[in-house]
């Protein structure tokens, strides 16, 4: 399976960067897949039944403040990626890398790694509308994701093998990012991305553990003035307010396409209640 190849690539990168003290946060669809696998393997209780995460061929890697402010660490990431055969993606040369991988079935597929980071107000970084990098480094940037401001709050550590540990952002962090992504893709001519993001929102909520539910309350208190969390709540109010809201319609489209069925009414109602409660909008 391609997800197994992705795991191998991720572990090779994490193992190489271990000596440099680089912590990698795995977001996006692949982060959800890793979390679902971890929950199942360890029989961890979640808020609701865990859906099957959608497949993906991209790895979204988020860099914390200690990395994006340190040129030694960002240079180490670029060197590690290039050493593994990843090449810069044209047009996004400093924060997207890819390489062709041949599966066991002899099929060639492209694995893409995106580097992202929350906005940091720090004299050690240079920031523009889209990118952030250490002032003393030009070799690697990260795409700015302002709604990831809670990235380093209660991440889930996954030890994938002896030399490979990565972190999954807390559900509240993941929700904010996915809700923004859903809204930003809502008017695309193709509905596919908004359907994917709506399904990811559903998956994130369902996979929340009892411990993470309690942590969400602490995060909301700590970031009580957060513009990003306030905006995430507004997106829920506008697009995930009822079973007939556009967010639920796109979610149902994705479930029908992927599984040939529709979510039951009570499942949708539970999801909407859980989503509002997790974000603190009840």
Protein backbone atom coordinates (compact mmCIF):
# COMPACT_ATOMS: atom_id res chain seq x y z
CA UNK A 1 0.00 0.00 0.00
CA UNK A 2 1.15 3.53 -0.77
CA UNK A 3 0.42 4.61 2.83
CA UNK A 4 3.05 2.10 3.96
CA UNK A 5 5.55 3.68 1.58
CA UNK A 6 4.63 7.09 2.99
CA UNK A 7 5.24 5.78 6.50
CA UNK A 8 8.67 4.52 5.43
CA UNK A 9 9.54 7.89 3.90
CA UNK A 10 8.31 9.80 6.94
CA UNK A 11 10.30 7.61 9.30
CA UNK A 12 13.44 7.95 7.19
CA UNK A 13 13.12 11.74 7.40
CA UNK A 14 12.29 11.79 11.13
CA UNK A 15 15.17 9.43 11.92
CA UNK A 16 17.63 11.55 9.95
CA UNK A 17 16.51 14.72 11.71
CA UNK A 18 16.47 13.22 15.20
CA UNK A 19 20.06 14.26 15.87
CA UNK A 20 19.15 17.87 14.97
CA UNK A 21 16.29 18.00 17.46
CA UNK A 22 13.67 18.58 14.75
CA UNK A 23 10.13 17.68 15.80
CA UNK A 24 7.77 16.96 12.90
CA UNK A 25 4.02 17.51 13.22
CA UNK A 26 2.04 15.52 10.65
CA UNK A 27 -1.20 17.16 9.58
CA UNK A 28 -3.62 16.69 6.71
CA UNK A 29 -5.16 13.44 5.57
CA UNK A 30 -2.05 11.39 6.26
CA UNK A 31 -1.91 12.63 9.85
CA UNK A 32 -5.49 11.43 10.32
CA UNK A 33 -4.61 8.05 8.80
CA UNK A 34 -1.68 7.66 11.22
CA UNK A 35 -3.87 8.58 14.18
CA UNK A 36 -6.62 6.15 13.17
CA UNK A 37 -4.04 3.36 12.88
CA UNK A 38 -2.67 4.25 16.33
CA UNK A 39 -6.13 4.29 17.94
CA UNK A 40 -7.03 0.91 16.47
CA UNK A 41 -3.70 -0.72 17.37
CA UNK A 42 -3.97 0.44 20.99
CA UNK A 43 -7.75 0.04 21.43
CA UNK A 44 -8.10 3.66 22.54
CA UNK A 45 -11.65 4.87 23.20
CA UNK A 46 -12.83 7.74 21.03
CA UNK A 47 -15.82 10.06 21.06
CA UNK A 48 -17.58 8.18 18.26
CA UNK A 49 -16.95 5.28 15.93
CA UNK A 50 -13.84 6.05 13.88
CA UNK A 51 -14.53 6.47 10.14
CA UNK A 52 -12.08 5.14 7.58
CA UNK A 53 -9.74 8.07 6.81
CA UNK A 54 -9.54 8.99 3.15
CA UNK A 55 -6.41 8.12 1.20
CA UNK A 56 -3.81 10.70 0.23
CA UNK A 57 -0.44 10.91 -1.50
CA UNK A 58 0.79 14.06 0.26
CA UNK A 59 2.42 14.54 3.64
CA UNK A 60 1.79 17.88 5.36
CA UNK A 61 4.64 18.58 7.78
CA UNK A 62 4.24 21.42 10.25
CA UNK A 63 7.29 23.04 11.84
CA UNK A 64 7.14 24.43 15.36
CA UNK A 65 8.54 27.75 16.55
CA UNK A 66 11.87 26.25 17.62
CA UNK A 67 12.42 24.95 14.07
CA UNK A 68 11.21 27.81 11.89
CA UNK A 69 13.30 30.29 13.89
CA UNK A 70 16.48 28.19 13.67
CA UNK A 71 18.43 28.22 10.36
CA UNK A 72 20.47 25.22 11.45
CA UNK A 73 17.33 23.13 11.75
CA UNK A 74 15.68 24.31 8.53
CA UNK A 75 18.93 23.72 6.62
CA UNK A 76 19.04 20.21 8.11
CA UNK A 77 15.52 19.52 6.82
CA UNK A 78 16.40 20.58 3.30
CA UNK A 79 19.59 18.52 3.32
CA UNK A 80 17.69 15.47 4.57
CA UNK A 81 14.99 15.82 1.91
CA UNK A 82 17.51 16.21 -0.89
CA UNK A 83 19.52 13.30 0.49
CA UNK A 84 16.41 11.14 0.20
CA UNK A 85 15.95 12.14 -3.44
CA UNK A 86 13.22 14.74 -3.03
CA UNK A 87 13.30 17.62 -5.49
CA UNK A 88 11.81 21.11 -5.09
CA UNK A 89 8.41 21.54 -6.73
CA UNK A 90 8.58 24.26 -9.42
CA UNK A 91 6.83 27.41 -8.26
CA UNK A 92 7.11 26.38 -4.61
CA UNK A 93 10.80 25.54 -4.56
CA UNK A 94 11.45 26.25 -0.90
CA UNK A 95 8.45 24.64 0.81
CA UNK A 96 7.24 21.79 -1.41
CA UNK A 97 9.32 18.75 -2.33
CA UNK A 98 8.48 15.57 -4.20
CA UNK A 99 9.92 12.40 -5.61
CA UNK A 100 8.70 9.52 -7.75
CA UNK A 101 8.28 6.25 -5.90
CA UNK A 102 7.71 2.84 -7.48
CA UNK A 103 5.34 0.61 -5.54
CA UNK A 104 5.73 -3.14 -5.12
CA UNK A 105 3.24 -3.52 -7.97
CA UNK A 106 5.59 -1.58 -10.25
CA UNK A 107 3.40 1.53 -10.34
CA UNK A 108 5.12 4.92 -10.25
CA UNK A 109 3.51 7.49 -7.96
CA UNK A 110 4.52 10.96 -6.81
CA UNK A 111 4.93 11.59 -3.10
CA UNK A 112 4.77 15.28 -2.21
CA UNK A 113 5.86 16.83 1.09
CA UNK A 114 4.51 20.25 2.04
CA UNK A 115 6.21 22.28 4.76
CA UNK A 116 3.96 24.54 6.82
CA UNK A 117 4.14 26.58 10.01
CA UNK A 118 2.02 28.89 12.14
CA UNK A 119 2.64 32.63 11.89
CA UNK A 120 5.40 33.64 14.29
CA UNK A 121 6.06 37.21 15.40
CA UNK A 122 9.76 36.95 16.11
CA UNK A 123 12.79 38.96 15.05
CA UNK A 124 14.54 35.73 14.07
CA UNK A 125 12.17 35.11 11.13
CA UNK A 126 11.34 36.82 7.87
CA UNK A 127 7.65 36.73 6.95
CA UNK A 128 5.65 37.72 3.88
CA UNK A 129 2.04 37.09 2.88
CA UNK A 130 2.60 33.36 2.23
CA UNK A 131 5.93 32.24 3.62
CA UNK A 132 8.05 32.26 6.73
CA UNK A 133 11.75 31.40 7.13
CA UNK A 134 14.65 32.07 9.48
CA UNK A 135 16.36 35.37 8.62
CA UNK A 136 19.72 33.66 8.29
CA UNK A 137 18.54 30.93 5.92
CA UNK A 138 17.29 31.03 2.35
CA UNK A 139 17.22 27.31 1.58
CA UNK A 140 13.91 26.40 3.15
CA UNK A 141 10.65 28.21 3.87
CA UNK A 142 7.32 27.11 5.28
CA UNK A 143 3.89 28.07 4.03
CA UNK A 144 2.16 30.17 6.70
CA UNK A 145 -1.00 28.70 8.25
CA UNK A 146 -2.24 31.34 10.75
CA UNK A 147 -5.01 29.06 12.03
CA UNK A 148 -2.32 26.61 13.25
CA UNK A 149 -1.45 28.91 16.16
CA UNK A 150 -2.25 26.13 18.69
CA UNK A 151 0.02 23.63 16.91
CA UNK A 152 2.21 22.93 19.94
CA UNK A 153 -0.66 22.50 22.40
CA UNK A 154 -1.13 18.87 23.51
CA UNK A 155 0.11 17.09 20.35
CA UNK A 156 -0.15 13.30 20.20
CA UNK A 157 3.24 11.61 20.00
CA UNK A 158 3.38 8.55 17.77
CA UNK A 159 6.42 6.30 18.08
CA UNK A 160 6.42 4.55 14.71
CA UNK A 161 9.63 2.63 15.29
CA UNK A 162 12.75 2.74 17.47
CA UNK A 163 14.21 5.84 15.79
CA UNK A 164 11.02 7.42 14.50
CA UNK A 165 8.64 9.60 16.50
CA UNK A 166 6.27 12.15 15.00
CA UNK A 167 3.46 14.27 16.41
CA UNK A 168 -0.19 14.68 15.40
CA UNK A 169 -1.77 18.09 16.15
CA UNK A 170 -4.54 18.21 18.72
CA UNK A 171 -8.07 17.83 17.27
CA UNK A 172 -8.86 21.46 18.05
CA UNK A 173 -5.85 22.58 16.00
CA UNK A 174 -6.72 20.19 13.18
CA UNK A 175 -10.34 21.34 13.18
CA UNK A 176 -9.41 24.99 12.79
CA UNK A 177 -7.14 24.20 9.85
CA UNK A 178 -9.68 21.93 8.12
CA UNK A 179 -12.55 24.36 8.58
CA UNK A 180 -10.51 27.13 6.98
CA UNK A 181 -9.54 24.78 4.15
CA UNK A 182 -13.18 23.82 3.60
CA UNK A 183 -14.28 27.44 3.38
CA UNK A 184 -11.42 28.34 1.04
CA UNK A 185 -12.35 25.54 -1.39
CA UNK A 186 -16.13 25.90 -1.15
CA UNK A 187 -16.49 27.86 -4.38
CA UNK A 188 -14.10 25.76 -6.48
CA UNK A 189 -15.60 24.55 -9.73
CA UNK A 190 -14.73 21.00 -8.67
CA UNK A 191 -16.37 19.99 -5.39
CA UNK A 192 -13.79 17.32 -4.62
CA UNK A 193 -11.57 19.30 -2.25
CA UNK A 194 -14.45 20.75 -0.24
CA UNK A 195 -15.92 17.23 0.04
CA UNK A 196 -12.56 15.90 1.26
CA UNK A 197 -12.23 18.67 3.84
CA UNK A 198 -15.80 18.18 5.10
CA UNK A 199 -15.08 14.46 5.54
CA UNK A 200 -11.84 15.27 7.38
CA UNK A 201 -13.75 17.55 9.78
CA UNK A 202 -16.12 14.64 10.48
CA UNK A 203 -13.18 12.26 10.98
CA UNK A 204 -11.31 14.62 13.34
CA UNK A 205 -14.34 15.00 15.60
CA UNK A 206 -15.08 11.26 15.68
CA UNK A 207 -11.46 10.38 16.53
CA UNK A 208 -11.27 12.75 19.51
CA UNK A 209 -10.42 10.87 22.68
CA UNK A 210 -11.76 11.54 26.16
CA UNK A 211 -8.40 13.01 27.16
CA UNK A 212 -8.31 15.28 24.09
CA UNK A 213 -11.84 16.47 24.83
CA UNK A 214 -10.66 17.73 28.24
CA UNK A 215 -7.53 19.26 26.70
CA UNK A 216 -9.66 21.21 24.22
CA UNK A 217 -11.19 23.12 27.13
CA UNK A 218 -7.72 24.09 28.35
CA UNK A 219 -6.65 25.22 24.89
CA UNK A 220 -9.77 27.35 24.43
CA UNK A 221 -9.14 29.01 27.80
CA UNK A 222 -5.49 29.65 26.95
CA UNK A 223 -6.39 31.11 23.55
CA UNK A 224 -9.61 32.83 24.58
CA UNK A 225 -8.84 35.86 22.40
CA UNK A 226 -7.85 33.82 19.35
CA UNK A 227 -9.09 35.32 16.10
CA UNK A 228 -8.50 31.99 14.34
CA UNK A 229 -10.69 30.01 16.75
CA UNK A 230 -13.36 32.70 16.57
CA UNK A 231 -13.30 32.48 12.78
CA UNK A 232 -13.47 28.67 12.92
CA UNK A 233 -16.62 28.99 15.00
CA UNK A 234 -18.06 31.39 12.43
CA UNK A 235 -17.35 28.87 9.67
CA UNK A 236 -19.25 26.26 11.67
CA UNK A 237 -22.15 28.66 12.17
CA UNK A 238 -22.31 29.44 8.46
CA UNK A 239 -21.57 26.03 6.91
CA UNK A 240 -22.12 23.30 9.55
CA UNK A 241 -25.20 24.56 11.36
CA UNK A 242 -27.81 21.95 10.40
CA UNK A 243 -28.26 18.72 8.39
CA UNK A 244 -29.08 20.85 5.34
CA UNK A 245 -26.02 23.13 5.61
CA UNK A 246 -23.54 23.04 2.74
CA UNK A 247 -20.87 21.43 4.91
CA UNK A 248 -23.11 18.47 5.67
CA UNK A 249 -24.26 18.21 2.06
CA UNK A 250 -20.63 17.99 0.93
CA UNK A 251 -19.90 15.47 3.70
CA UNK A 252 -22.81 13.30 2.57
CA UNK A 253 -21.62 13.52 -1.05
CA UNK A 254 -18.20 12.21 -0.03
CA UNK A 255 -19.66 9.35 2.03
CA UNK A 256 -21.93 8.33 -0.86
CA UNK A 257 -19.04 8.42 -3.35
CA UNK A 258 -16.63 6.54 -1.08
CA UNK A 259 -18.99 4.09 0.63
CA UNK A 260 -22.19 4.05 -1.40
CA UNK A 261 -24.36 5.11 1.53
CA UNK A 262 -25.49 8.16 3.47
CA UNK A 263 -24.84 9.01 7.10
CA UNK A 264 -27.89 8.40 9.27
CA UNK A 265 -29.72 11.42 10.64
CA UNK A 266 -28.75 10.69 14.24
CA UNK A 267 -25.09 10.40 13.27
CA UNK A 268 -25.21 13.81 11.60
CA UNK A 269 -26.96 15.35 14.62
CA UNK A 270 -24.35 13.90 16.99
CA UNK A 271 -21.56 15.18 14.78
CA UNK A 272 -22.95 18.72 14.72
CA UNK A 273 -23.40 18.74 18.49
CA UNK A 274 -19.88 17.36 19.05
CA UNK A 275 -18.34 19.84 16.60
CA UNK A 276 -19.91 22.84 18.34
CA UNK A 277 -18.99 21.52 21.79
CA UNK A 278 -15.38 20.78 20.83
CA UNK A 279 -14.92 24.30 19.48
CA UNK A 280 -16.70 25.75 22.50
CA UNK A 281 -19.48 27.34 20.50
CA UNK A 282 -22.43 25.90 22.44
